[in-house]
């Protein structure tokens, strides 16, 4: 008899921690008045839901939940909408599960 319990991805992500590097965000959204289709795609594509629309209709990011998966790099960096770099050593996501 198996005692395995199904755990949702969202529940596992809750246990991750992010070491914030004050003043040195590893992802920056370039200034814009109207978001491009690629930038708007990040609102749904980011598995950690780090991207949001502000009250002016512009896309913003909160990096302290980032899991550094690279999705935004593929979508947003190629279009020039974001600047992406690795966090400095000792900062960034700290995975608790595999």
N, C-alpha and C. Protein backbone atom coordinates (compact mmCIF):
# COMPACT_ATOMS: atom_id res chain seq x y z
N UNK A 1 0.84 -1.17 0.00
CA UNK A 1 0.00 0.00 0.00
C UNK A 1 0.89 1.24 0.00
N UNK A 2 0.62 2.15 -0.93
CA UNK A 2 1.42 3.37 -1.07
C UNK A 2 0.84 4.48 -0.20
N UNK A 3 1.72 5.23 0.44
CA UNK A 3 1.28 6.36 1.26
C UNK A 3 1.65 7.69 0.61
N UNK A 4 1.98 7.65 -0.69
CA UNK A 4 2.33 8.87 -1.41
C UNK A 4 1.13 9.80 -1.47
N UNK A 5 1.40 11.06 -1.23
CA UNK A 5 0.37 12.08 -1.30
C UNK A 5 0.74 13.02 -2.43
N UNK A 6 -0.20 13.30 -3.30
CA UNK A 6 0.06 14.21 -4.42
C UNK A 6 0.23 15.63 -3.87
N UNK A 7 1.28 16.29 -4.31
CA UNK A 7 1.55 17.66 -3.88
C UNK A 7 1.56 18.53 -5.12
N UNK A 8 0.82 19.62 -5.08
CA UNK A 8 0.75 20.54 -6.22
C UNK A 8 2.05 21.33 -6.33
N UNK A 9 2.38 21.72 -7.55
CA UNK A 9 3.59 22.51 -7.80
C UNK A 9 3.55 23.80 -6.98
N UNK A 10 2.40 24.44 -6.92
CA UNK A 10 2.28 25.69 -6.17
C UNK A 10 2.62 25.50 -4.70
N UNK A 11 2.25 24.34 -4.15
CA UNK A 11 2.56 24.06 -2.75
C UNK A 11 4.06 23.89 -2.53
N UNK A 12 4.73 23.25 -3.49
CA UNK A 12 6.19 23.11 -3.38
C UNK A 12 6.89 24.46 -3.54
N UNK A 13 6.39 25.29 -4.47
CA UNK A 13 7.01 26.60 -4.67
C UNK A 13 6.92 27.46 -3.43
N UNK A 14 5.90 27.26 -2.61
CA UNK A 14 5.72 28.03 -1.39
C UNK A 14 6.92 27.88 -0.45
N UNK A 15 7.55 26.72 -0.46
CA UNK A 15 8.67 26.47 0.45
C UNK A 15 9.99 27.06 -0.03
N UNK A 16 10.08 27.44 -1.29
CA UNK A 16 11.30 28.06 -1.79
C UNK A 16 11.49 29.41 -1.12
N UNK A 17 12.70 29.84 -1.02
CA UNK A 17 13.01 31.15 -0.46
C UNK A 17 13.84 31.91 -1.48
N UNK A 18 13.78 33.21 -1.38
CA UNK A 18 14.53 34.05 -2.30
C UNK A 18 15.37 35.02 -1.49
N UNK A 19 16.67 34.98 -1.69
CA UNK A 19 17.58 35.90 -1.01
C UNK A 19 17.67 37.15 -1.86
N UNK A 20 17.07 38.23 -1.42
CA UNK A 20 17.02 39.48 -2.16
C UNK A 20 18.39 40.17 -2.12
N UNK A 21 18.83 40.65 -3.27
CA UNK A 21 20.06 41.43 -3.39
C UNK A 21 19.62 42.90 -3.49
N UNK A 22 19.62 43.62 -2.38
CA UNK A 22 19.06 44.98 -2.36
C UNK A 22 19.67 45.89 -3.43
N UNK A 23 18.80 46.50 -4.22
CA UNK A 23 19.25 47.44 -5.23
C UNK A 23 19.84 46.83 -6.48
N UNK A 24 19.85 45.50 -6.59
CA UNK A 24 20.46 44.84 -7.76
C UNK A 24 19.55 43.74 -8.29
N UNK A 25 18.40 44.14 -8.80
CA UNK A 25 17.47 43.17 -9.37
C UNK A 25 18.11 42.51 -10.59
N UNK A 26 17.95 41.19 -10.71
CA UNK A 26 18.56 40.48 -11.84
C UNK A 26 17.70 40.54 -13.09
N UNK A 27 16.46 41.02 -12.97
CA UNK A 27 15.58 41.22 -14.11
C UNK A 27 15.01 42.63 -14.03
N UNK A 28 15.06 43.33 -15.14
CA UNK A 28 14.49 44.68 -15.20
C UNK A 28 13.62 44.78 -16.44
N UNK A 29 12.44 45.35 -16.28
CA UNK A 29 11.56 45.62 -17.41
C UNK A 29 11.96 46.99 -17.96
N UNK A 30 12.23 47.04 -19.24
CA UNK A 30 12.61 48.32 -19.85
C UNK A 30 11.42 49.27 -19.83
N UNK A 31 11.68 50.57 -19.67
CA UNK A 31 10.59 51.55 -19.64
C UNK A 31 9.74 51.48 -20.91
N UNK A 32 8.44 51.56 -20.72
CA UNK A 32 7.51 51.51 -21.85
C UNK A 32 6.22 52.23 -21.45
N UNK A 33 5.50 52.71 -22.46
CA UNK A 33 4.19 53.30 -22.19
C UNK A 33 3.09 52.27 -22.47
N UNK A 34 3.27 51.50 -23.52
CA UNK A 34 2.34 50.43 -23.88
C UNK A 34 3.14 49.14 -24.02
N UNK A 35 2.77 48.08 -23.30
CA UNK A 35 3.54 46.84 -23.40
C UNK A 35 3.39 46.16 -24.76
N UNK A 36 4.48 45.57 -25.21
CA UNK A 36 4.46 44.79 -26.45
C UNK A 36 3.71 43.47 -26.19
N UNK A 37 3.32 42.78 -27.24
CA UNK A 37 2.67 41.47 -27.05
C UNK A 37 3.56 40.49 -26.26
N UNK A 38 4.87 40.52 -26.51
CA UNK A 38 5.79 39.63 -25.78
C UNK A 38 5.80 39.96 -24.29
N UNK A 39 5.81 41.25 -23.98
CA UNK A 39 5.83 41.66 -22.58
C UNK A 39 4.52 41.28 -21.89
N UNK A 40 3.41 41.44 -22.58
CA UNK A 40 2.12 41.03 -22.01
C UNK A 40 2.04 39.52 -21.84
N UNK A 41 2.73 38.77 -22.70
CA UNK A 41 2.73 37.31 -22.59
C UNK A 41 3.36 36.85 -21.28
N UNK A 42 4.29 37.64 -20.75
CA UNK A 42 4.95 37.28 -19.50
C UNK A 42 3.98 37.26 -18.32
N UNK A 43 2.88 37.99 -18.43
CA UNK A 43 1.88 37.99 -17.35
C UNK A 43 1.33 36.59 -17.11
N UNK A 44 1.22 35.80 -18.18
CA UNK A 44 0.70 34.43 -18.06
C UNK A 44 1.79 33.37 -18.13
N UNK A 45 2.90 33.67 -18.76
CA UNK A 45 3.94 32.66 -18.98
C UNK A 45 4.80 32.41 -17.75
N UNK A 46 4.99 33.41 -16.92
CA UNK A 46 5.86 33.25 -15.74
C UNK A 46 5.22 32.30 -14.74
N UNK A 47 5.86 31.15 -14.47
CA UNK A 47 5.26 30.19 -13.54
C UNK A 47 5.20 30.70 -12.10
N UNK A 48 6.04 31.66 -11.75
CA UNK A 48 6.04 32.20 -10.39
C UNK A 48 5.15 33.44 -10.27
N UNK A 49 4.55 33.85 -11.38
CA UNK A 49 3.65 35.02 -11.41
C UNK A 49 4.33 36.29 -10.90
N UNK A 50 5.55 36.52 -11.37
CA UNK A 50 6.32 37.71 -10.95
C UNK A 50 5.92 38.97 -11.71
N UNK A 51 5.26 38.83 -12.84
CA UNK A 51 4.90 39.98 -13.68
C UNK A 51 3.45 40.38 -13.43
N UNK A 52 3.22 41.70 -13.34
CA UNK A 52 1.87 42.24 -13.13
C UNK A 52 1.71 43.52 -13.92
N UNK A 53 0.45 43.87 -14.20
CA UNK A 53 0.14 45.17 -14.79
C UNK A 53 -0.07 46.17 -13.66
N UNK A 54 0.53 47.36 -13.79
CA UNK A 54 0.28 48.39 -12.80
C UNK A 54 -0.96 49.19 -13.19
N UNK A 55 -1.29 50.20 -12.43
CA UNK A 55 -2.51 50.98 -12.69
C UNK A 55 -2.41 51.83 -13.95
N UNK A 56 -1.22 51.94 -14.54
CA UNK A 56 -1.04 52.68 -15.80
C UNK A 56 -1.04 51.74 -17.01
N UNK A 57 -1.26 50.45 -16.78
CA UNK A 57 -1.27 49.48 -17.86
C UNK A 57 0.12 49.04 -18.30
N UNK A 58 1.12 49.31 -17.47
CA UNK A 58 2.49 48.91 -17.77
C UNK A 58 2.83 47.63 -17.00
N UNK A 59 3.71 46.84 -17.58
CA UNK A 59 4.13 45.59 -16.95
C UNK A 59 5.27 45.88 -15.98
N UNK A 60 5.15 45.34 -14.77
CA UNK A 60 6.18 45.46 -13.74
C UNK A 60 6.56 44.06 -13.27
N UNK A 61 7.74 43.97 -12.65
CA UNK A 61 8.19 42.68 -12.11
C UNK A 61 8.54 42.83 -10.64
N UNK A 62 8.26 41.77 -9.89
CA UNK A 62 8.71 41.64 -8.51
C UNK A 62 9.63 40.43 -8.50
N UNK A 63 10.93 40.68 -8.40
CA UNK A 63 11.90 39.58 -8.58
C UNK A 63 12.05 38.68 -7.36
N UNK A 64 11.53 39.08 -6.20
CA UNK A 64 11.77 38.27 -5.01
C UNK A 64 10.91 37.01 -4.93
N UNK A 65 10.22 36.64 -6.00
CA UNK A 65 9.55 35.36 -6.07
C UNK A 65 10.05 34.55 -7.26
N UNK A 66 11.03 35.08 -7.96
CA UNK A 66 11.53 34.47 -9.19
C UNK A 66 12.19 33.11 -8.91
N UNK A 67 11.87 32.13 -9.76
CA UNK A 67 12.49 30.81 -9.62
C UNK A 67 13.59 30.60 -10.65
N UNK A 68 13.95 31.66 -11.36
CA UNK A 68 15.06 31.65 -12.31
C UNK A 68 14.93 30.54 -13.35
N UNK A 69 13.72 30.36 -13.87
CA UNK A 69 13.47 29.29 -14.84
C UNK A 69 13.90 29.67 -16.25
N UNK A 70 13.98 30.98 -16.55
CA UNK A 70 14.41 31.43 -17.86
C UNK A 70 13.28 31.70 -18.85
N UNK A 71 12.04 31.48 -18.45
CA UNK A 71 10.91 31.72 -19.35
C UNK A 71 10.91 33.16 -19.84
N UNK A 72 11.08 34.10 -18.94
CA UNK A 72 11.04 35.51 -19.35
C UNK A 72 12.25 35.85 -20.21
N UNK A 73 13.32 35.17 -20.00
CA UNK A 73 14.51 35.41 -20.83
C UNK A 73 14.24 35.03 -22.27
N UNK A 74 13.58 33.91 -22.46
CA UNK A 74 13.26 33.45 -23.81
C UNK A 74 12.27 34.39 -24.49
N UNK A 75 11.24 34.80 -23.75
CA UNK A 75 10.18 35.63 -24.33
C UNK A 75 10.57 37.10 -24.39
N UNK A 76 11.05 37.65 -23.30
CA UNK A 76 11.23 39.09 -23.19
C UNK A 76 12.58 39.63 -23.59
N UNK A 77 13.63 38.85 -23.41
CA UNK A 77 14.96 39.35 -23.75
C UNK A 77 15.15 39.43 -25.25
N UNK A 78 14.61 38.46 -25.99
CA UNK A 78 14.75 38.47 -27.45
C UNK A 78 14.05 39.67 -28.07
N UNK A 79 12.95 40.10 -27.46
CA UNK A 79 12.22 41.25 -27.99
C UNK A 79 12.77 42.57 -27.46
N UNK A 80 13.72 42.51 -26.53
CA UNK A 80 14.31 43.72 -25.97
C UNK A 80 13.48 44.36 -24.87
N UNK A 81 12.48 43.63 -24.37
CA UNK A 81 11.59 44.18 -23.34
C UNK A 81 12.15 44.09 -21.94
N UNK A 82 13.06 43.16 -21.71
CA UNK A 82 13.64 43.02 -20.37
C UNK A 82 15.16 42.92 -20.46
N UNK A 83 15.79 43.21 -19.35
CA UNK A 83 17.23 42.97 -19.17
C UNK A 83 17.33 41.87 -18.12
N UNK A 84 18.05 40.81 -18.43
CA UNK A 84 18.13 39.65 -17.57
C UNK A 84 19.59 39.31 -17.31
N UNK A 85 19.92 39.02 -16.07
CA UNK A 85 21.26 38.53 -15.73
C UNK A 85 21.11 37.57 -14.55
N UNK A 86 22.13 36.78 -14.31
CA UNK A 86 22.10 35.89 -13.16
C UNK A 86 22.25 36.72 -11.89
N UNK A 87 21.60 36.30 -10.80
CA UNK A 87 21.84 36.98 -9.52
C UNK A 87 23.29 36.75 -9.09
N UNK A 88 23.80 37.68 -8.30
CA UNK A 88 25.15 37.50 -7.76
C UNK A 88 25.18 36.28 -6.86
N UNK A 89 26.36 35.74 -6.66
CA UNK A 89 26.53 34.59 -5.80
C UNK A 89 25.96 34.82 -4.41
N UNK A 90 25.24 33.84 -3.90
CA UNK A 90 24.64 33.95 -2.58
C UNK A 90 23.25 34.56 -2.58
N UNK A 91 22.81 35.05 -3.74
CA UNK A 91 21.48 35.65 -3.85
C UNK A 91 20.66 34.86 -4.85
N UNK A 92 19.37 35.07 -4.81
CA UNK A 92 18.46 34.41 -5.74
C UNK A 92 17.65 33.33 -5.04
N UNK A 93 17.12 32.41 -5.83
CA UNK A 93 16.22 31.39 -5.32
C UNK A 93 16.99 30.32 -4.53
N UNK A 94 16.38 29.86 -3.45
CA UNK A 94 16.91 28.78 -2.64
C UNK A 94 15.86 27.68 -2.65
N UNK A 95 16.09 26.63 -3.42
CA UNK A 95 15.10 25.56 -3.57
C UNK A 95 15.11 24.65 -2.34
N UNK A 96 13.94 24.32 -1.86
CA UNK A 96 13.81 23.40 -0.74
C UNK A 96 13.52 21.98 -1.19
N UNK A 97 12.93 21.84 -2.39
CA UNK A 97 12.63 20.52 -2.96
C UNK A 97 13.34 20.39 -4.29
N UNK A 98 14.12 19.33 -4.46
CA UNK A 98 14.80 18.94 -5.66
C UNK A 98 14.87 19.92 -6.71
